[in-house]
Amino acid sequence: PEAAARSRWIYRRLGDEPAVLQVDNELAWVAGLGGDLAAQVRVASAVVERAAAMAPNGPAHLHSLGCLGCGLVFMGRFAEADAALRHALRIATSQGDLYQIGWLTGILAMQLAFTAGPPAAEQLLAEVRPRVAEHPDPGFA
């Protein structure tokens, strides 16, 4: 928490608000990894809102949508997760960001496995795998 507060202070002083958003997004991930999925979703949702206003489709917007979607999947809030992840995938696809496409697809495939069954997840992975072959993610192994 101290390092994050210091990072925020430094980035704000430099006028780098997109970096402040990235710090906040990383804190959302830390909350979720620590078992507080509600905090992950709450913080990531706030970052999504701020990032969409500041730099729609920018890195902080993309990354926070992924963080939000992932937290929502693990909370069982599948419709909301689907919307966030697909939005992030649209951004990543428009930017040609193969790494982001890979990991976002992996999380979306897990969500599909839970909601629509393994065949839907396998189909999505089969569609995306050839595009991300040089940036493998565990979901594509």
C-alpha atoms as a PDB file:
ATOM      1  CA  PRO A   1       0.000   0.000   0.000  1.00  0.00           C
ATOM      2  CA  GLU A   2       2.815   2.462   0.767  1.00  0.00           C
ATOM      3  CA  ALA A   3       4.557   1.829  -2.524  1.00  0.00           C
ATOM      4  CA  ALA A   4       1.281   2.242  -4.405  1.00  0.00           C
ATOM      5  CA  ALA A   5       0.508   5.487  -2.586  1.00  0.00           C
ATOM      6  CA  ARG A   6       3.986   6.762  -3.404  1.00  0.00           C
ATOM      7  CA  SER A   7       3.638   5.715  -7.039  1.00  0.00           C
ATOM      8  CA  ARG A   8       0.307   7.520  -7.281  1.00  0.00           C
ATOM      9  CA  TRP A   9       1.834  10.637  -5.740  1.00  0.00           C
ATOM     10  CA  ILE A  10       4.797  10.581  -8.143  1.00  0.00           C
ATOM     11  CA  TYR A  11       2.635  10.005 -11.232  1.00  0.00           C
ATOM     12  CA  ARG A  12       0.163  12.704 -10.199  1.00  0.00           C
ATOM     13  CA  ARG A  13       3.000  15.131  -9.613  1.00  0.00           C
ATOM     14  CA  LEU A  14       4.293  14.315 -13.088  1.00  0.00           C
ATOM     15  CA  GLY A  15       0.796  14.813 -14.489  1.00  0.00           C
ATOM     16  CA  ASP A  16       0.638  11.204 -15.694  1.00  0.00           C
ATOM     17  CA  GLU A  17      -2.958  10.311 -14.849  1.00  0.00           C
ATOM     18  CA  PRO A  18      -2.956   7.232 -17.137  1.00  0.00           C
ATOM     19  CA  ALA A  19      -0.131   5.821 -14.958  1.00  0.00           C
ATOM     20  CA  VAL A  20      -2.221   6.560 -11.843  1.00  0.00           C
ATOM     21  CA  LEU A  21      -5.006   4.492 -13.405  1.00  0.00           C
ATOM     22  CA  GLN A  22      -2.582   1.629 -14.056  1.00  0.00           C
ATOM     23  CA  VAL A  23      -1.452   1.708 -10.408  1.00  0.00           C
ATOM     24  CA  ASP A  24      -5.067   1.561  -9.272  1.00  0.00           C
ATOM     25  CA  ASN A  25      -5.751  -1.307 -11.668  1.00  0.00           C
ATOM     26  CA  GLU A  26      -2.789  -3.269 -10.305  1.00  0.00           C
ATOM     27  CA  LEU A  27      -4.173  -2.716  -6.805  1.00  0.00           C
ATOM     28  CA  ALA A  28      -7.463  -4.192  -7.991  1.00  0.00           C
ATOM     29  CA  TRP A  29      -5.581  -7.303  -9.157  1.00  0.00           C
ATOM     30  CA  VAL A  30      -3.769  -7.513  -5.816  1.00  0.00           C
ATOM     31  CA  ALA A  31      -7.087  -7.348  -3.954  1.00  0.00           C
ATOM     32  CA  GLY A  32      -8.498 -10.189  -6.038  1.00  0.00           C
ATOM     33  CA  LEU A  33      -5.377 -12.308  -5.741  1.00  0.00           C
ATOM     34  CA  GLY A  34      -5.626 -11.776  -1.991  1.00  0.00           C
ATOM     35  CA  GLY A  35      -9.125 -13.243  -2.037  1.00  0.00           C
ATOM     36  CA  ASP A  36     -11.182 -10.042  -1.988  1.00  0.00           C
ATOM     37  CA  LEU A  37     -12.980 -10.372  -5.304  1.00  0.00           C
ATOM     38  CA  ALA A  38     -15.545  -7.747  -4.345  1.00  0.00           C
ATOM     39  CA  ALA A  39     -12.734  -5.203  -3.901  1.00  0.00           C
ATOM     40  CA  GLN A  40     -11.188  -6.273  -7.216  1.00  0.00           C
ATOM     41  CA  VAL A  41     -14.474  -5.681  -8.995  1.00  0.00           C
ATOM     42  CA  ARG A  42     -15.181  -2.420  -7.169  1.00  0.00           C
ATOM     43  CA  VAL A  43     -11.747  -0.909  -7.827  1.00  0.00           C
ATOM     44  CA  ALA A  44     -11.508  -2.197 -11.415  1.00  0.00           C
ATOM     45  CA  SER A  45     -14.985  -0.852 -12.143  1.00  0.00           C
ATOM     46  CA  ALA A  46     -13.961   2.592 -10.897  1.00  0.00           C
ATOM     47  CA  VAL A  47     -10.817   2.460 -13.047  1.00  0.00           C
ATOM     48  CA  VAL A  48     -12.877   1.414 -16.088  1.00  0.00           C
ATOM     49  CA  GLU A  49     -15.114   4.438 -15.590  1.00  0.00           C
ATOM     50  CA  ARG A  50     -12.226   6.871 -15.125  1.00  0.00           C
ATOM     51  CA  ALA A  51     -10.202   5.379 -17.987  1.00  0.00           C
ATOM     52  CA  ALA A  52     -13.165   5.447 -20.377  1.00  0.00           C
ATOM     53  CA  ALA A  53     -13.608   9.140 -19.636  1.00  0.00           C
ATOM     54  CA  MET A  54      -9.895   9.972 -19.853  1.00  0.00           C
ATOM     55  CA  ALA A  55      -8.653   7.740 -22.666  1.00  0.00           C
ATOM     56  CA  PRO A  56     -11.293   5.442 -24.136  1.00  0.00           C
ATOM     57  CA  ASN A  57      -9.690   2.325 -25.592  1.00  0.00           C
ATOM     58  CA  GLY A  58      -6.334   3.269 -24.072  1.00  0.00           C
ATOM     59  CA  PRO A  59      -4.166   0.853 -22.097  1.00  0.00           C
ATOM     60  CA  ALA A  60      -5.738   1.585 -18.707  1.00  0.00           C
ATOM     61  CA  HIS A  61      -9.215   1.121 -20.162  1.00  0.00           C
ATOM     62  CA  LEU A  62      -8.236  -2.177 -21.782  1.00  0.00           C
ATOM     63  CA  HIS A  63      -6.412  -3.518 -18.724  1.00  0.00           C
ATOM     64  CA  SER A  64      -9.114  -2.513 -16.255  1.00  0.00           C
ATOM     65  CA  LEU A  65     -11.842  -4.132 -18.368  1.00  0.00           C
ATOM     66  CA  GLY A  66      -9.834  -7.372 -18.257  1.00  0.00           C
ATOM     67  CA  CYS A  67      -9.340  -7.101 -14.505  1.00  0.00           C
ATOM     68  CA  LEU A  68     -13.034  -6.370 -14.016  1.00  0.00           C
ATOM     69  CA  GLY A  69     -14.136  -9.231 -16.261  1.00  0.00           C
ATOM     70  CA  CYS A  70     -11.835 -11.706 -14.554  1.00  0.00           C
ATOM     71  CA  GLY A  71     -13.090 -10.749 -11.093  1.00  0.00           C
ATOM     72  CA  LEU A  72     -16.689 -10.986 -12.259  1.00  0.00           C
ATOM     73  CA  VAL A  73     -16.116 -14.497 -13.658  1.00  0.00           C
ATOM     74  CA  PHE A  74     -14.811 -15.715 -10.315  1.00  0.00           C
ATOM     75  CA  MET A  75     -17.751 -14.080  -8.542  1.00  0.00           C
ATOM     76  CA  GLY A  76     -20.169 -15.931 -10.822  1.00  0.00           C
ATOM     77  CA  ARG A  77     -21.478 -12.717 -12.377  1.00  0.00           C
ATOM     78  CA  PHE A  78     -21.206 -14.177 -15.836  1.00  0.00           C
ATOM     79  CA  ALA A  79     -23.309 -11.771 -17.939  1.00  0.00           C
ATOM     80  CA  GLU A  80     -21.379  -8.770 -16.610  1.00  0.00           C
ATOM     81  CA  ALA A  81     -18.096 -10.637 -17.058  1.00  0.00           C
ATOM     82  CA  ASP A  82     -18.975 -11.486 -20.635  1.00  0.00           C
ATOM     83  CA  ALA A  83     -19.713  -7.828 -21.433  1.00  0.00           C
ATOM     84  CA  ALA A  84     -16.462  -6.562 -19.875  1.00  0.00           C
ATOM     85  CA  LEU A  85     -14.295  -9.247 -21.460  1.00  0.00           C
ATOM     86  CA  ARG A  86     -15.814  -8.861 -24.912  1.00  0.00           C
ATOM     87  CA  HIS A  87     -15.380  -5.079 -24.700  1.00  0.00           C
ATOM     88  CA  ALA A  88     -11.723  -5.591 -23.779  1.00  0.00           C
ATOM     89  CA  LEU A  89     -11.326  -8.093 -26.623  1.00  0.00           C
ATOM     90  CA  ARG A  90     -12.746  -5.590 -29.106  1.00  0.00           C
ATOM     91  CA  ILE A  91     -10.192  -3.027 -27.967  1.00  0.00           C
ATOM     92  CA  ALA A  92      -7.306  -5.518 -28.031  1.00  0.00           C
ATOM     93  CA  THR A  93      -8.346  -6.778 -31.470  1.00  0.00           C
ATOM     94  CA  SER A  94      -8.587  -3.250 -32.877  1.00  0.00           C
ATOM     95  CA  GLN A  95      -5.055  -2.613 -31.596  1.00  0.00           C
ATOM     96  CA  GLY A  96      -3.667  -5.947 -32.788  1.00  0.00           C
ATOM     97  CA  ASP A  97      -2.508  -6.717 -29.238  1.00  0.00           C
ATOM     98  CA  LEU A  98      -2.034 -10.475 -29.480  1.00  0.00           C
ATOM     99  CA  TYR A  99      -0.986 -10.960 -25.856  1.00  0.00           C
ATOM    100  CA  GLN A 100      -4.110  -9.243 -24.553  1.00  0.00           C
ATOM    101  CA  ILE A 101      -6.259 -11.148 -27.051  1.00  0.00           C
ATOM    102  CA  GLY A 102      -4.746 -14.401 -25.800  1.00  0.00           C
ATOM    103  CA  TRP A 103      -5.267 -13.985 -22.067  1.00  0.00           C
ATOM    104  CA  LEU A 104      -8.663 -12.314 -22.430  1.00  0.00           C
ATOM    105  CA  THR A 105      -9.823 -15.167 -24.636  1.00  0.00           C
ATOM    106  CA  GLY A 106      -8.585 -17.665 -22.050  1.00  0.00           C
ATOM    107  CA  ILE A 107     -10.683 -16.035 -19.315  1.00  0.00           C
ATOM    108  CA  LEU A 108     -13.683 -15.696 -21.629  1.00  0.00           C
ATOM    109  CA  ALA A 109     -13.345 -19.373 -22.563  1.00  0.00           C
ATOM    110  CA  MET A 110     -13.393 -20.319 -18.884  1.00  0.00           C
ATOM    111  CA  GLN A 111     -16.541 -18.252 -18.439  1.00  0.00           C
ATOM    112  CA  LEU A 112     -18.098 -19.991 -21.446  1.00  0.00           C
ATOM    113  CA  ALA A 113     -17.156 -23.389 -20.033  1.00  0.00           C
ATOM    114  CA  PHE A 114     -19.071 -22.498 -16.870  1.00  0.00           C
ATOM    115  CA  THR A 115     -22.129 -21.086 -18.652  1.00  0.00           C
ATOM    116  CA  ALA A 116     -22.404 -22.737 -22.058  1.00  0.00           C
ATOM    117  CA  GLY A 117     -20.297 -25.860 -21.560  1.00  0.00           C
ATOM    118  CA  PRO A 118     -16.861 -27.034 -22.651  1.00  0.00           C
ATOM    119  CA  PRO A 119     -17.679 -27.256 -26.382  1.00  0.00           C
ATOM    120  CA  ALA A 120     -18.349 -23.488 -26.527  1.00  0.00           C
ATOM    121  CA  ALA A 121     -15.070 -22.798 -24.745  1.00  0.00           C
ATOM    122  CA  GLU A 122     -13.166 -25.166 -27.016  1.00  0.00           C
ATOM    123  CA  GLN A 123     -14.671 -23.523 -30.107  1.00  0.00           C
ATOM    124  CA  LEU A 124     -13.619 -20.044 -28.971  1.00  0.00           C
ATOM    125  CA  LEU A 125     -10.101 -21.237 -28.199  1.00  0.00           C
ATOM    126  CA  ALA A 126      -9.840 -22.990 -31.575  1.00  0.00           C
ATOM    127  CA  GLU A 127     -10.907 -19.790 -33.355  1.00  0.00           C
ATOM    128  CA  VAL A 128      -8.370 -17.592 -31.582  1.00  0.00           C
ATOM    129  CA  ARG A 129      -5.416 -19.965 -31.105  1.00  0.00           C
ATOM    130  CA  PRO A 130      -3.999 -19.548 -34.641  1.00  0.00           C
ATOM    131  CA  ARG A 131      -3.915 -15.736 -34.254  1.00  0.00           C
ATOM    132  CA  VAL A 132      -1.977 -15.788 -30.991  1.00  0.00           C
ATOM    133  CA  ALA A 133       0.421 -18.671 -31.584  1.00  0.00           C
ATOM    134  CA  GLU A 134       3.519 -16.510 -31.045  1.00  0.00           C
ATOM    135  CA  HIS A 135       2.161 -15.187 -27.725  1.00  0.00           C
ATOM    136  CA  PRO A 136       1.048 -18.377 -25.967  1.00  0.00           C
ATOM    137  CA  ASP A 137      -0.949 -18.088 -22.782  1.00  0.00           C
ATOM    138  CA  PRO A 138      -1.732 -21.052 -20.508  1.00  0.00           C
ATOM    139  CA  GLY A 139      -5.248 -21.109 -21.937  1.00  0.00           C
ATOM    140  CA  PHE A 140      -3.791 -22.033 -25.310  1.00  0.00           C
ATOM    141  CA  ALA A 141      -1.217 -24.612 -24.229  1.00  0.00           C
END
